[in-house]
Amino acid sequence: MTLQGGLGPALLPANLHEKPAEGLVATIVYGRPGTPMPPWKQFLSEAEATWIVEKLMTEFPK
């Protein structure tokens, strides 16, 4: 789990800074049809997805 990408783009602050946080949260919660990104709504609440996005956008983990 290096956040450097693999099946999807790297999840680094430099790659995420221009993306709206709400869209990133929606991607986590609902997934992206036609891509390897599954929906996580059965495992995470929207508040938890928001927390993840906030951390990813502020260089967590260091």
PDB file of N, CA and C in Angstrom:
ATOM      1  N   MET A   1       0.841  -1.182   0.000  1.00  0.00           N
ATOM      2  CA  MET A   1       0.000   0.000   0.000  1.00  0.00           C
ATOM      3  C   MET A   1       0.886   1.245   0.000  1.00  0.00           C
ATOM      4  N   THR A   2       1.410   1.558  -1.173  1.00  0.00           N
ATOM      5  CA  THR A   2       2.294   2.713  -1.288  1.00  0.00           C
ATOM      6  C   THR A   2       1.597   3.943  -1.840  1.00  0.00           C
ATOM      7  N   LEU A   3       0.338   3.819  -2.240  1.00  0.00           N
ATOM      8  CA  LEU A   3      -0.445   4.909  -2.825  1.00  0.00           C
ATOM      9  C   LEU A   3       0.121   5.376  -4.156  1.00  0.00           C
ATOM     10  N   GLN A   4       1.009   4.575  -4.765  1.00  0.00           N
ATOM     11  CA  GLN A   4       1.660   4.941  -6.012  1.00  0.00           C
ATOM     12  C   GLN A   4       0.871   4.525  -7.250  1.00  0.00           C
ATOM     13  N   GLY A   5      -0.277   3.950  -7.068  1.00  0.00           N
ATOM     14  CA  GLY A   5      -1.076   3.512  -8.208  1.00  0.00           C
ATOM     15  C   GLY A   5      -0.848   2.040  -8.494  1.00  0.00           C
ATOM     16  N   GLY A   6      -1.534   1.528  -9.412  1.00  0.00           N
ATOM     17  CA  GLY A   6      -1.476   0.125  -9.785  1.00  0.00           C
ATOM     18  C   GLY A   6      -2.595  -0.074 -10.784  1.00  0.00           C
ATOM     19  N   LEU A   7      -3.751  -0.404 -10.280  1.00  0.00           N
ATOM     20  CA  LEU A   7      -4.929  -0.496 -11.138  1.00  0.00           C
ATOM     21  C   LEU A   7      -5.529   0.872 -11.410  1.00  0.00           C
ATOM     22  N   GLY A   8      -5.180   1.831 -10.591  1.00  0.00           N
ATOM     23  CA  GLY A   8      -5.704   3.189 -10.740  1.00  0.00           C
ATOM     24  C   GLY A   8      -4.581   4.191 -10.575  1.00  0.00           C
ATOM     25  N   PRO A   9      -4.912   5.474 -10.563  1.00  0.00           N
ATOM     26  CA  PRO A   9      -3.880   6.510 -10.425  1.00  0.00           C
ATOM     27  C   PRO A   9      -3.300   6.545  -9.011  1.00  0.00           C
ATOM     28  N   ALA A  10      -2.128   7.134  -8.920  1.00  0.00           N
ATOM     29  CA  ALA A  10      -1.485   7.309  -7.617  1.00  0.00           C
ATOM     30  C   ALA A  10      -2.338   8.226  -6.745  1.00  0.00           C
ATOM     31  N   LEU A  11      -2.460   7.881  -5.472  1.00  0.00           N
ATOM     32  CA  LEU A  11      -3.286   8.648  -4.536  1.00  0.00           C
ATOM     33  C   LEU A  11      -2.409   9.587  -3.708  1.00  0.00           C
ATOM     34  N   LEU A  12      -1.711  10.442  -4.404  1.00  0.00           N
ATOM     35  CA  LEU A  12      -0.812  11.389  -3.756  1.00  0.00           C
ATOM     36  C   LEU A  12      -1.424  12.785  -3.776  1.00  0.00           C
ATOM     37  N   PRO A  13      -1.126  13.610  -2.774  1.00  0.00           N
ATOM     38  CA  PRO A  13      -1.705  14.953  -2.714  1.00  0.00           C
ATOM     39  C   PRO A  13      -1.510  15.746  -4.012  1.00  0.00           C
ATOM     40  N   ALA A  14      -0.359  15.617  -4.647  1.00  0.00           N
ATOM     41  CA  ALA A  14      -0.108  16.360  -5.885  1.00  0.00           C
ATOM     42  C   ALA A  14      -1.084  15.956  -6.986  1.00  0.00           C
ATOM     43  N   ASN A  15      -1.524  14.702  -6.994  1.00  0.00           N
ATOM     44  CA  ASN A  15      -2.462  14.217  -8.003  1.00  0.00           C
ATOM     45  C   ASN A  15      -3.905  14.541  -7.634  1.00  0.00           C
ATOM     46  N   LEU A  16      -4.169  14.777  -6.364  1.00  0.00           N
ATOM     47  CA  LEU A  16      -5.535  14.975  -5.890  1.00  0.00           C
ATOM     48  C   LEU A  16      -5.901  16.435  -5.684  1.00  0.00           C
ATOM     49  N   HIS A  17      -4.936  17.344  -5.630  1.00  0.00           N
ATOM     50  CA  HIS A  17      -5.205  18.721  -5.198  1.00  0.00           C
ATOM     51  C   HIS A  17      -6.214  19.458  -6.067  1.00  0.00           C
ATOM     52  N   GLU A  18      -6.331  19.129  -7.341  1.00  0.00           N
ATOM     53  CA  GLU A  18      -7.297  19.826  -8.200  1.00  0.00           C
ATOM     54  C   GLU A  18      -8.650  19.122  -8.267  1.00  0.00           C
ATOM     55  N   LYS A  19      -8.763  17.979  -7.647  1.00  0.00           N
ATOM     56  CA  LYS A  19     -10.014  17.226  -7.675  1.00  0.00           C
ATOM     57  C   LYS A  19     -10.903  17.656  -6.503  1.00  0.00           C
ATOM     58  N   PRO A  20     -12.203  17.796  -6.738  1.00  0.00           N
ATOM     59  CA  PRO A  20     -13.086  18.170  -5.630  1.00  0.00           C
ATOM     60  C   PRO A  20     -13.211  17.015  -4.629  1.00  0.00           C
ATOM     61  N   ALA A  21     -13.109  17.342  -3.361  1.00  0.00           N
ATOM     62  CA  ALA A  21     -13.196  16.328  -2.311  1.00  0.00           C
ATOM     63  C   ALA A  21     -14.504  15.542  -2.405  1.00  0.00           C
ATOM     64  N   GLU A  22     -15.601  16.220  -2.748  1.00  0.00           N
ATOM     65  CA  GLU A  22     -16.903  15.540  -2.831  1.00  0.00           C
ATOM     66  C   GLU A  22     -16.882  14.442  -3.891  1.00  0.00           C
ATOM     67  N   GLY A  23     -16.194  14.690  -4.998  1.00  0.00           N
ATOM     68  CA  GLY A  23     -16.086  13.684  -6.054  1.00  0.00           C
ATOM     69  C   GLY A  23     -15.252  12.498  -5.629  1.00  0.00           C
ATOM     70  N   LEU A  24     -14.190  12.754  -4.876  1.00  0.00           N
ATOM     71  CA  LEU A  24     -13.354  11.665  -4.376  1.00  0.00           C
ATOM     72  C   LEU A  24     -14.125  10.814  -3.364  1.00  0.00           C
ATOM     73  N   VAL A  25     -14.895  11.478  -2.504  1.00  0.00           N
ATOM     74  CA  VAL A  25     -15.726  10.753  -1.539  1.00  0.00           C
ATOM     75  C   VAL A  25     -16.733   9.872  -2.279  1.00  0.00           C
ATOM     76  N   ALA A  26     -17.373  10.434  -3.303  1.00  0.00           N
ATOM     77  CA  ALA A  26     -18.349   9.665  -4.079  1.00  0.00           C
ATOM     78  C   ALA A  26     -17.693   8.463  -4.750  1.00  0.00           C
ATOM     79  N   THR A  27     -16.466   8.629  -5.229  1.00  0.00           N
ATOM     80  CA  THR A  27     -15.758   7.515  -5.846  1.00  0.00           C
ATOM     81  C   THR A  27     -15.529   6.397  -4.837  1.00  0.00           C
ATOM     82  N   ILE A  28     -15.164   6.744  -3.618  1.00  0.00           N
ATOM     83  CA  ILE A  28     -14.955   5.726  -2.578  1.00  0.00           C
ATOM     84  C   ILE A  28     -16.276   5.048  -2.233  1.00  0.00           C
ATOM     85  N   VAL A  29     -17.300   5.833  -2.018  1.00  0.00           N
ATOM     86  CA  VAL A  29     -18.586   5.287  -1.570  1.00  0.00           C
ATOM     87  C   VAL A  29     -19.272   4.469  -2.662  1.00  0.00           C
ATOM     88  N   TYR A  30     -19.300   4.997  -3.890  1.00  0.00           N
ATOM     89  CA  TYR A  30     -20.082   4.368  -4.958  1.00  0.00           C
ATOM     90  C   TYR A  30     -19.248   3.635  -6.001  1.00  0.00           C
ATOM     91  N   GLY A  31     -17.935   3.763  -5.940  1.00  0.00           N
ATOM     92  CA  GLY A  31     -17.085   3.113  -6.922  1.00  0.00           C
ATOM     93  C   GLY A  31     -17.147   3.814  -8.264  1.00  0.00           C
ATOM     94  N   ARG A  32     -16.515   3.191  -9.246  1.00  0.00           N
ATOM     95  CA  ARG A  32     -16.518   3.719 -10.612  1.00  0.00           C
ATOM     96  C   ARG A  32     -16.871   2.581 -11.546  1.00  0.00           C
ATOM     97  N   PRO A  33     -18.108   2.535 -12.019  1.00  0.00           N
ATOM     98  CA  PRO A  33     -18.511   1.466 -12.938  1.00  0.00           C
ATOM     99  C   PRO A  33     -17.585   1.398 -14.157  1.00  0.00           C
ATOM    100  N   GLY A  34     -17.268   0.172 -14.558  1.00  0.00           N
ATOM    101  CA  GLY A  34     -16.404  -0.026 -15.713  1.00  0.00           C
ATOM    102  C   GLY A  34     -14.923   0.075 -15.412  1.00  0.00           C
ATOM    103  N   THR A  35     -14.584   0.247 -14.118  1.00  0.00           N
ATOM    104  CA  THR A  35     -13.179   0.316 -13.698  1.00  0.00           C
ATOM    105  C   THR A  35     -12.979  -0.673 -12.553  1.00  0.00           C
ATOM    106  N   PRO A  36     -11.722  -0.890 -12.142  1.00  0.00           N
ATOM    107  CA  PRO A  36     -11.483  -1.779 -11.001  1.00  0.00           C
ATOM    108  C   PRO A  36     -11.908  -1.212  -9.641  1.00  0.00           C
ATOM    109  N   MET A  37     -12.375   0.058  -9.598  1.00  0.00           N
ATOM    110  CA  MET A  37     -12.748   0.678  -8.315  1.00  0.00           C
ATOM    111  C   MET A  37     -14.133   0.223  -7.893  1.00  0.00           C
ATOM    112  N   PRO A  38     -14.207  -0.604  -6.827  1.00  0.00           N
ATOM    113  CA  PRO A  38     -15.514  -1.072  -6.348  1.00  0.00           C
ATOM    114  C   PRO A  38     -16.156  -0.059  -5.398  1.00  0.00           C
ATOM    115  N   PRO A  39     -17.447  -0.170  -5.185  1.00  0.00           N
ATOM    116  CA  PRO A  39     -18.085   0.667  -4.160  1.00  0.00           C
ATOM    117  C   PRO A  39     -17.733   0.132  -2.767  1.00  0.00           C
ATOM    118  N   TRP A  40     -17.527   1.026  -1.842  1.00  0.00           N
ATOM    119  CA  TRP A  40     -17.190   0.650  -0.467  1.00  0.00           C
ATOM    120  C   TRP A  40     -18.318   0.973   0.501  1.00  0.00           C
ATOM    121  N   LYS A  41     -19.500   1.350  -0.016  1.00  0.00           N
ATOM    122  CA  LYS A  41     -20.582   1.803   0.863  1.00  0.00           C
ATOM    123  C   LYS A  41     -21.041   0.764   1.862  1.00  0.00           C
ATOM    124  N   GLN A  42     -20.833  -0.504   1.597  1.00  0.00           N
ATOM    125  CA  GLN A  42     -21.231  -1.514   2.582  1.00  0.00           C
ATOM    126  C   GLN A  42     -20.222  -1.646   3.721  1.00  0.00           C
ATOM    127  N   PHE A  43     -19.049  -1.040   3.549  1.00  0.00           N
ATOM    128  CA  PHE A  43     -18.001  -1.134   4.566  1.00  0.00           C
ATOM    129  C   PHE A  43     -17.709   0.190   5.264  1.00  0.00           C
ATOM    130  N   LEU A  44     -17.947   1.318   4.558  1.00  0.00           N
ATOM    131  CA  LEU A  44     -17.598   2.639   5.075  1.00  0.00           C
ATOM    132  C   LEU A  44     -18.785   3.578   4.993  1.00  0.00           C
ATOM    133  N   SER A  45     -18.900   4.443   5.969  1.00  0.00           N
ATOM    134  CA  SER A  45     -19.908   5.503   5.889  1.00  0.00           C
ATOM    135  C   SER A  45     -19.347   6.647   5.043  1.00  0.00           C
ATOM    136  N   GLU A  46     -20.209   7.560   4.644  1.00  0.00           N
ATOM    137  CA  GLU A  46     -19.744   8.728   3.897  1.00  0.00           C
ATOM    138  C   GLU A  46     -18.795   9.564   4.750  1.00  0.00           C
ATOM    139  N   ALA A  47     -19.056   9.633   6.055  1.00  0.00           N
ATOM    140  CA  ALA A  47     -18.165  10.374   6.958  1.00  0.00           C
ATOM    141  C   ALA A  47     -16.772   9.739   6.998  1.00  0.00           C
ATOM    142  N   GLU A  48     -16.719   8.431   6.999  1.00  0.00           N
ATOM    143  CA  GLU A  48     -15.413   7.747   6.995  1.00  0.00           C
ATOM    144  C   GLU A  48     -14.686   7.966   5.668  1.00  0.00           C
ATOM    145  N   ALA A  49     -15.420   7.935   4.564  1.00  0.00           N
ATOM    146  CA  ALA A  49     -14.817   8.204   3.256  1.00  0.00           C
ATOM    147  C   ALA A  49     -14.292   9.633   3.200  1.00  0.00           C
ATOM    148  N   THR A  50     -15.020  10.563   3.798  1.00  0.00           N
ATOM    149  CA  THR A  50     -14.579  11.960   3.855  1.00  0.00           C
ATOM    150  C   THR A  50     -13.278  12.065   4.637  1.00  0.00           C
ATOM    151  N   TRP A  51     -13.182  11.359   5.739  1.00  0.00           N
ATOM    152  CA  TRP A  51     -11.955  11.352   6.550  1.00  0.00           C
ATOM    153  C   TRP A  51     -10.778  10.824   5.729  1.00  0.00           C
ATOM    154  N   ILE A  52     -10.989   9.751   4.979  1.00  0.00           N
ATOM    155  CA  ILE A  52      -9.931   9.184   4.146  1.00  0.00           C
ATOM    156  C   ILE A  52      -9.462  10.215   3.121  1.00  0.00           C
ATOM    157  N   VAL A  53     -10.397  10.868   2.448  1.00  0.00           N
ATOM    158  CA  VAL A  53     -10.042  11.873   1.446  1.00  0.00           C
ATOM    159  C   VAL A  53      -9.268  13.013   2.090  1.00  0.00           C
ATOM    160  N   GLU A  54      -9.706  13.486   3.231  1.00  0.00           N
ATOM    161  CA  GLU A  54      -8.991  14.566   3.925  1.00  0.00           C
ATOM    162  C   GLU A  54      -7.558  14.156   4.229  1.00  0.00           C
ATOM    163  N   LYS A  55      -7.363  12.946   4.677  1.00  0.00           N
ATOM    164  CA  LYS A  55      -6.012  12.472   5.001  1.00  0.00           C
ATOM    165  C   LYS A  55      -5.164  12.329   3.751  1.00  0.00           C
ATOM    166  N   LEU A  56      -5.731  11.774   2.679  1.00  0.00           N
ATOM    167  CA  LEU A  56      -4.983  11.613   1.435  1.00  0.00           C
ATOM    168  C   LEU A  56      -4.570  12.959   0.846  1.00  0.00           C
ATOM    169  N   MET A  57      -5.395  13.970   1.025  1.00  0.00           N
ATOM    170  CA  MET A  57      -5.098  15.283   0.465  1.00  0.00           C
ATOM    171  C   MET A  57      -4.104  16.078   1.311  1.00  0.00           C
ATOM    172  N   THR A  58      -3.789  15.576   2.499  1.00  0.00           N
ATOM    173  CA  THR A  58      -2.833  16.278   3.366  1.00  0.00           C
ATOM    174  C   THR A  58      -1.590  15.441   3.629  1.00  0.00           C
ATOM    175  N   GLU A  59      -1.204  14.634   2.666  1.00  0.00           N
ATOM    176  CA  GLU A  59       0.027  13.842   2.709  1.00  0.00           C
ATOM    177  C   GLU A  59       0.084  12.818   3.824  1.00  0.00           C
ATOM    178  N   PHE A  60      -1.031  12.166   4.075  1.00  0.00           N
ATOM    179  CA  PHE A  60      -1.072  11.073   5.050  1.00  0.00           C
ATOM    180  C   PHE A  60      -1.056   9.765   4.279  1.00  0.00           C
ATOM    181  N   PRO A  61      -0.313   8.779   4.645  1.00  0.00           N
ATOM    182  CA  PRO A  61       0.712   8.781   5.706  1.00  0.00           C
ATOM    183  C   PRO A  61       1.998   9.400   5.200  1.00  0.00           C
ATOM    184  N   LYS A  62       2.788   9.898   6.126  1.00  0.00           N
ATOM    185  CA  LYS A  62       4.085  10.517   5.764  1.00  0.00           C
ATOM    186  C   LYS A  62       5.169   9.482   5.804  1.00  0.00           C
TER     187      LYS A  62
END
